[in-house]
Amino acid sequence: MIYRADAGGGIAGVDFQREDYRFSEFTDPVARDRAAWNAGMDYIRQEPVAFLQRAVVKFVRFWRLWPYAENYSSPAIIAVYILSYAPVFLLTLVYLALWGLPEFVRIAPILGFAGYLTLVNVVFFASLRYRLPIEPLMIMFAATAAIRLARRWPSGKSLLARVGMDGANLERDVKKPAAGL
């Protein structure tokens, strides 16, 4: 059986033939999974520096501002990615730097989810498309940072007033849990 790379299969855009697979002699999927797991753990024990170097590369690929693939390397595509994602990314970092620690209890589940997805992608196969579940949460952090930063300057306050957000109070709008819960 051949898994075609252009049909969504394959590995890194290369067609994949089941016969070439190192663990194809296993017919039992549980035994095949266990053998692959053991081989992976053996590799990590034998080559910890190489594993960590690859993990750093995958981390950068996961969080980079534009895709790593050659198909998306034209200047126009990179510009669209940077213009759409960079503000969200930077404002999320601003939010985490200024308000992340004081609001840690509130955002800990979100940070845990983002950390889990990052870790899984660093260990296995990193692609920025796997970051998609985190991006709506990043937009929430970025919007909160943008409003809070805008409130610090008179021109920002007038801008918020013009768009009807001068009364937006993020802290007030959060419902407090009932007593005893």
C-alpha atoms as a PDB file:
ATOM      1  CA  MET A   1       0.000   0.000   0.000  1.00  0.00           C
ATOM      2  CA  ILE A   2       1.294   3.472  -0.902  1.00  0.00           C
ATOM      3  CA  TYR A   3       0.230   6.574   0.990  1.00  0.00           C
ATOM      4  CA  ARG A   4       0.364   9.453  -1.491  1.00  0.00           C
ATOM      5  CA  ALA A   5       1.853  12.688  -0.237  1.00  0.00           C
ATOM      6  CA  ASP A   6      -0.291  14.779  -2.601  1.00  0.00           C
ATOM      7  CA  ALA A   7      -3.444  13.124  -1.261  1.00  0.00           C
ATOM      8  CA  GLY A   8      -2.781  13.962   2.382  1.00  0.00           C
ATOM      9  CA  GLY A   9      -0.630  10.928   3.182  1.00  0.00           C
ATOM     10  CA  GLY A  10       3.090  10.520   3.128  1.00  0.00           C
ATOM     11  CA  ILE A  11       5.686  12.048   5.398  1.00  0.00           C
ATOM     12  CA  ALA A  12       7.029  15.548   4.757  1.00  0.00           C
ATOM     13  CA  GLY A  13       5.687  15.511   1.202  1.00  0.00           C
ATOM     14  CA  VAL A  14       7.292  12.170   0.308  1.00  0.00           C
ATOM     15  CA  ASP A  15       5.206   9.164  -0.687  1.00  0.00           C
ATOM     16  CA  PHE A  16       5.285   6.464   1.940  1.00  0.00           C
ATOM     17  CA  GLN A  17       5.241   2.745   1.146  1.00  0.00           C
ATOM     18  CA  ARG A  18       4.116   0.444   3.914  1.00  0.00           C
ATOM     19  CA  GLU A  19       6.756  -2.141   2.886  1.00  0.00           C
ATOM     20  CA  ASP A  20       9.499   0.386   3.672  1.00  0.00           C
ATOM     21  CA  TYR A  21       8.157   0.871   7.173  1.00  0.00           C
ATOM     22  CA  ARG A  22      10.538  -0.496   9.772  1.00  0.00           C
ATOM     23  CA  PHE A  23       7.773  -2.047  11.863  1.00  0.00           C
ATOM     24  CA  SER A  24       5.741  -3.583   9.026  1.00  0.00           C
ATOM     25  CA  GLU A  25       6.521  -7.126  10.208  1.00  0.00           C
ATOM     26  CA  PHE A  26       4.164  -6.565  13.162  1.00  0.00           C
ATOM     27  CA  THR A  27       0.585  -7.514  12.361  1.00  0.00           C
ATOM     28  CA  ASP A  28      -0.707  -6.741  15.846  1.00  0.00           C
ATOM     29  CA  PRO A  29      -1.169  -2.950  16.091  1.00  0.00           C
ATOM     30  CA  VAL A  30      -0.505  -2.962  19.849  1.00  0.00           C
ATOM     31  CA  ALA A  31       2.796  -4.831  19.399  1.00  0.00           C
ATOM     32  CA  ARG A  32       3.734  -2.502  16.505  1.00  0.00           C
ATOM     33  CA  ASP A  33       2.971   0.544  18.642  1.00  0.00           C
ATOM     34  CA  ARG A  34       4.976  -0.842  21.554  1.00  0.00           C
ATOM     35  CA  ALA A  35       7.961  -1.640  19.305  1.00  0.00           C
ATOM     36  CA  ALA A  36       7.862   1.856  17.778  1.00  0.00           C
ATOM     37  CA  TRP A  37       7.591   3.438  21.248  1.00  0.00           C
ATOM     38  CA  ASN A  38      10.545   1.406  22.537  1.00  0.00           C
ATOM     39  CA  ALA A  39      12.622   2.291  19.464  1.00  0.00           C
ATOM     40  CA  GLY A  40      11.840   5.984  19.987  1.00  0.00           C
ATOM     41  CA  MET A  41      12.760   5.868  23.670  1.00  0.00           C
ATOM     42  CA  ASP A  42      15.984   3.995  22.837  1.00  0.00           C
ATOM     43  CA  TYR A  43      16.871   6.732  20.351  1.00  0.00           C
ATOM     44  CA  ILE A  44      16.258   9.456  22.956  1.00  0.00           C
ATOM     45  CA  ARG A  45      18.462   7.616  25.485  1.00  0.00           C
ATOM     46  CA  GLN A  46      21.244   7.023  22.951  1.00  0.00           C
ATOM     47  CA  GLU A  47      21.145  10.474  21.296  1.00  0.00           C
ATOM     48  CA  PRO A  48      19.834  12.980  23.861  1.00  0.00           C
ATOM     49  CA  VAL A  49      21.663  15.956  22.329  1.00  0.00           C
ATOM     50  CA  ALA A  50      20.333  15.208  18.827  1.00  0.00           C
ATOM     51  CA  PHE A  51      16.832  14.783  20.276  1.00  0.00           C
ATOM     52  CA  LEU A  52      17.047  18.159  22.041  1.00  0.00           C
ATOM     53  CA  GLN A  53      18.422  19.862  18.924  1.00  0.00           C
ATOM     54  CA  ARG A  54      15.502  18.516  16.896  1.00  0.00           C
ATOM     55  CA  ALA A  55      13.086  19.577  19.635  1.00  0.00           C
ATOM     56  CA  VAL A  56      14.367  23.168  19.416  1.00  0.00           C
ATOM     57  CA  VAL A  57      13.968  23.153  15.619  1.00  0.00           C
ATOM     58  CA  LYS A  58      10.411  21.810  15.956  1.00  0.00           C
ATOM     59  CA  PHE A  59       9.565  24.401  18.622  1.00  0.00           C
ATOM     60  CA  VAL A  60      10.675  27.192  16.296  1.00  0.00           C
ATOM     61  CA  ARG A  61       8.724  25.684  13.386  1.00  0.00           C
ATOM     62  CA  PHE A  62       5.608  25.393  15.541  1.00  0.00           C
ATOM     63  CA  TRP A  63       5.689  29.035  16.664  1.00  0.00           C
ATOM     64  CA  ARG A  64       7.215  30.743  13.627  1.00  0.00           C
ATOM     65  CA  LEU A  65       5.294  33.563  11.961  1.00  0.00           C
ATOM     66  CA  TRP A  66       4.994  31.876   8.535  1.00  0.00           C
ATOM     67  CA  PRO A  67       4.986  28.264   7.308  1.00  0.00           C
ATOM     68  CA  TYR A  68       8.203  26.354   6.859  1.00  0.00           C
ATOM     69  CA  ALA A  69       7.103  24.610   3.650  1.00  0.00           C
ATOM     70  CA  GLU A  70       8.585  25.775   0.338  1.00  0.00           C
ATOM     71  CA  ASN A  71       5.103  26.064  -1.200  1.00  0.00           C
ATOM     72  CA  TYR A  72       4.412  28.971   1.179  1.00  0.00           C
ATOM     73  CA  SER A  73       7.712  30.806   0.852  1.00  0.00           C
ATOM     74  CA  SER A  74       6.772  33.516  -1.636  1.00  0.00           C
ATOM     75  CA  PRO A  75       7.130  37.077  -0.290  1.00  0.00           C
ATOM     76  CA  ALA A  76       3.411  37.774  -0.721  1.00  0.00           C
ATOM     77  CA  ILE A  77       2.362  34.739   1.304  1.00  0.00           C
ATOM     78  CA  ILE A  78       4.920  35.480   4.006  1.00  0.00           C
ATOM     79  CA  ALA A  79       3.689  39.102   4.171  1.00  0.00           C
ATOM     80  CA  VAL A  80       0.079  37.961   4.624  1.00  0.00           C
ATOM     81  CA  TYR A  81       1.070  35.568   7.393  1.00  0.00           C
ATOM     82  CA  ILE A  82       3.168  38.177   9.181  1.00  0.00           C
ATOM     83  CA  LEU A  83       0.537  40.914   8.866  1.00  0.00           C
ATOM     84  CA  SER A  84      -2.208  38.651  10.173  1.00  0.00           C
ATOM     85  CA  TYR A  85      -0.406  36.614  12.832  1.00  0.00           C
ATOM     86  CA  ALA A  86       2.438  38.815  14.115  1.00  0.00           C
ATOM     87  CA  PRO A  87       0.165  41.369  15.870  1.00  0.00           C
ATOM     88  CA  VAL A  88      -1.720  38.570  17.607  1.00  0.00           C
ATOM     89  CA  PHE A  89       1.511  36.844  18.603  1.00  0.00           C
ATOM     90  CA  LEU A  90       3.169  40.025  19.883  1.00  0.00           C
ATOM     91  CA  LEU A  91       0.097  41.249  21.769  1.00  0.00           C
ATOM     92  CA  THR A  92      -0.262  37.798  23.344  1.00  0.00           C
ATOM     93  CA  LEU A  93       3.332  38.055  24.549  1.00  0.00           C
ATOM     94  CA  VAL A  94       2.585  41.556  25.910  1.00  0.00           C
ATOM     95  CA  TYR A  95      -0.461  40.218  27.745  1.00  0.00           C
ATOM     96  CA  LEU A  96       1.527  37.343  29.245  1.00  0.00           C
ATOM     97  CA  ALA A  97       4.400  39.650  30.244  1.00  0.00           C
ATOM     98  CA  LEU A  98       2.228  42.333  31.876  1.00  0.00           C
ATOM     99  CA  TRP A  99      -0.794  40.447  33.189  1.00  0.00           C
ATOM    100  CA  GLY A 100       0.070  36.755  32.929  1.00  0.00           C
ATOM    101  CA  LEU A 101       1.417  36.339  36.439  1.00  0.00           C
ATOM    102  CA  PRO A 102      -1.281  38.329  38.298  1.00  0.00           C
ATOM    103  CA  GLU A 103      -3.994  36.487  36.361  1.00  0.00           C
ATOM    104  CA  PHE A 104      -2.231  33.122  36.314  1.00  0.00           C
ATOM    105  CA  VAL A 105      -5.000  31.246  38.121  1.00  0.00           C
ATOM    106  CA  ARG A 106      -7.537  32.422  35.523  1.00  0.00           C
ATOM    107  CA  ILE A 107      -5.410  31.561  32.501  1.00  0.00           C
ATOM    108  CA  ALA A 108      -3.614  28.438  33.792  1.00  0.00           C
ATOM    109  CA  PRO A 109      -5.909  25.984  31.933  1.00  0.00           C
ATOM    110  CA  ILE A 110      -5.343  27.854  28.666  1.00  0.00           C
ATOM    111  CA  LEU A 111      -1.589  27.954  29.217  1.00  0.00           C
ATOM    112  CA  GLY A 112      -1.641  24.255  30.098  1.00  0.00           C
ATOM    113  CA  PHE A 113      -3.482  23.427  26.881  1.00  0.00           C
ATOM    114  CA  ALA A 114      -1.071  25.546  24.808  1.00  0.00           C
ATOM    115  CA  GLY A 115       1.908  23.990  26.568  1.00  0.00           C
ATOM    116  CA  TYR A 116       0.550  20.486  25.999  1.00  0.00           C
ATOM    117  CA  LEU A 117       0.030  21.081  22.262  1.00  0.00           C
ATOM    118  CA  THR A 118       3.492  22.621  21.988  1.00  0.00           C
ATOM    119  CA  LEU A 119       5.087  19.672  23.784  1.00  0.00           C
ATOM    120  CA  VAL A 120       3.309  17.098  21.632  1.00  0.00           C
ATOM    121  CA  ASN A 121       4.430  18.892  18.476  1.00  0.00           C
ATOM    122  CA  VAL A 122       7.987  19.312  19.714  1.00  0.00           C
ATOM    123  CA  VAL A 123       8.281  15.591  20.440  1.00  0.00           C
ATOM    124  CA  PHE A 124       6.522  14.306  17.326  1.00  0.00           C
ATOM    125  CA  PHE A 125       5.920  16.294  14.145  1.00  0.00           C
ATOM    126  CA  ALA A 126       5.775  20.075  14.271  1.00  0.00           C
ATOM    127  CA  SER A 127       3.669  22.045  11.840  1.00  0.00           C
ATOM    128  CA  LEU A 128       2.095  25.395  12.390  1.00  0.00           C
ATOM    129  CA  ARG A 129      -1.288  24.046  11.315  1.00  0.00           C
ATOM    130  CA  TYR A 130      -1.374  22.129  14.606  1.00  0.00           C
ATOM    131  CA  ARG A 131      -1.212  25.494  16.370  1.00  0.00           C
ATOM    132  CA  LEU A 132      -4.713  26.344  15.106  1.00  0.00           C
ATOM    133  CA  PRO A 133      -6.558  25.269  18.299  1.00  0.00           C
ATOM    134  CA  ILE A 134      -4.430  27.727  20.292  1.00  0.00           C
ATOM    135  CA  GLU A 135      -4.894  30.736  18.007  1.00  0.00           C
ATOM    136  CA  PRO A 136      -8.449  31.732  19.090  1.00  0.00           C
ATOM    137  CA  LEU A 137      -7.174  31.812  22.661  1.00  0.00           C
ATOM    138  CA  MET A 138      -4.229  33.933  21.546  1.00  0.00           C
ATOM    139  CA  ILE A 139      -6.669  36.333  19.855  1.00  0.00           C
ATOM    140  CA  MET A 140      -8.489  36.637  23.184  1.00  0.00           C
ATOM    141  CA  PHE A 141      -5.241  37.500  24.995  1.00  0.00           C
ATOM    142  CA  ALA A 142      -4.221  39.908  22.222  1.00  0.00           C
ATOM    143  CA  ALA A 143      -7.580  41.718  22.304  1.00  0.00           C
ATOM    144  CA  THR A 144      -7.395  42.047  26.081  1.00  0.00           C
ATOM    145  CA  ALA A 145      -3.867  43.458  25.838  1.00  0.00           C
ATOM    146  CA  ALA A 146      -4.879  45.882  23.070  1.00  0.00           C
ATOM    147  CA  ILE A 147      -7.795  47.272  25.094  1.00  0.00           C
ATOM    148  CA  ARG A 148      -5.768  47.545  28.288  1.00  0.00           C
ATOM    149  CA  LEU A 149      -2.893  49.247  26.486  1.00  0.00           C
ATOM    150  CA  ALA A 150      -5.259  51.633  24.692  1.00  0.00           C
ATOM    151  CA  ARG A 151      -6.692  52.730  28.028  1.00  0.00           C
ATOM    152  CA  ARG A 152      -3.243  53.916  29.127  1.00  0.00           C
ATOM    153  CA  TRP A 153      -3.035  56.726  26.532  1.00  0.00           C
ATOM    154  CA  PRO A 154      -5.481  59.570  25.870  1.00  0.00           C
ATOM    155  CA  SER A 155      -5.504  58.863  22.131  1.00  0.00           C
ATOM    156  CA  GLY A 156      -6.232  55.212  22.849  1.00  0.00           C
ATOM    157  CA  LYS A 157      -9.141  56.160  25.106  1.00  0.00           C
ATOM    158  CA  SER A 158     -10.620  58.382  22.396  1.00  0.00           C
ATOM    159  CA  LEU A 159     -10.208  55.585  19.845  1.00  0.00           C
ATOM    160  CA  LEU A 160     -12.037  53.176  22.154  1.00  0.00           C
ATOM    161  CA  ALA A 161     -14.783  55.796  22.585  1.00  0.00           C
ATOM    162  CA  ARG A 162     -15.133  56.167  18.790  1.00  0.00           C
ATOM    163  CA  VAL A 163     -15.578  52.419  18.306  1.00  0.00           C
ATOM    164  CA  GLY A 164     -17.974  52.154  21.241  1.00  0.00           C
ATOM    165  CA  MET A 165     -15.636  50.295  23.575  1.00  0.00           C
ATOM    166  CA  ASP A 166     -14.897  53.051  26.062  1.00  0.00           C
ATOM    167  CA  GLY A 167     -17.178  51.382  28.589  1.00  0.00           C
ATOM    168  CA  ALA A 168     -15.687  47.933  28.078  1.00  0.00           C
ATOM    169  CA  ASN A 169     -14.593  46.688  31.451  1.00  0.00           C
ATOM    170  CA  LEU A 170     -13.125  43.249  31.117  1.00  0.00           C
ATOM    171  CA  GLU A 171     -12.868  42.728  34.848  1.00  0.00           C
ATOM    172  CA  ARG A 172     -16.439  43.901  35.495  1.00  0.00           C
ATOM    173  CA  ASP A 173     -17.887  41.680  32.787  1.00  0.00           C
ATOM    174  CA  VAL A 174     -16.377  38.512  34.253  1.00  0.00           C
ATOM    175  CA  LYS A 175     -19.033  36.824  36.368  1.00  0.00           C
ATOM    176  CA  LYS A 176     -17.935  36.013  39.889  1.00  0.00           C
ATOM    177  CA  PRO A 177     -18.726  32.483  41.101  1.00  0.00           C
ATOM    178  CA  ALA A 178     -21.506  32.171  43.638  1.00  0.00           C
ATOM    179  CA  ALA A 179     -20.477  31.887  47.279  1.00  0.00           C
ATOM    180  CA  GLY A 180     -19.807  28.335  48.396  1.00  0.00           C
ATOM    181  CA  LEU A 181     -18.707  27.058  44.976  1.00  0.00           C
END
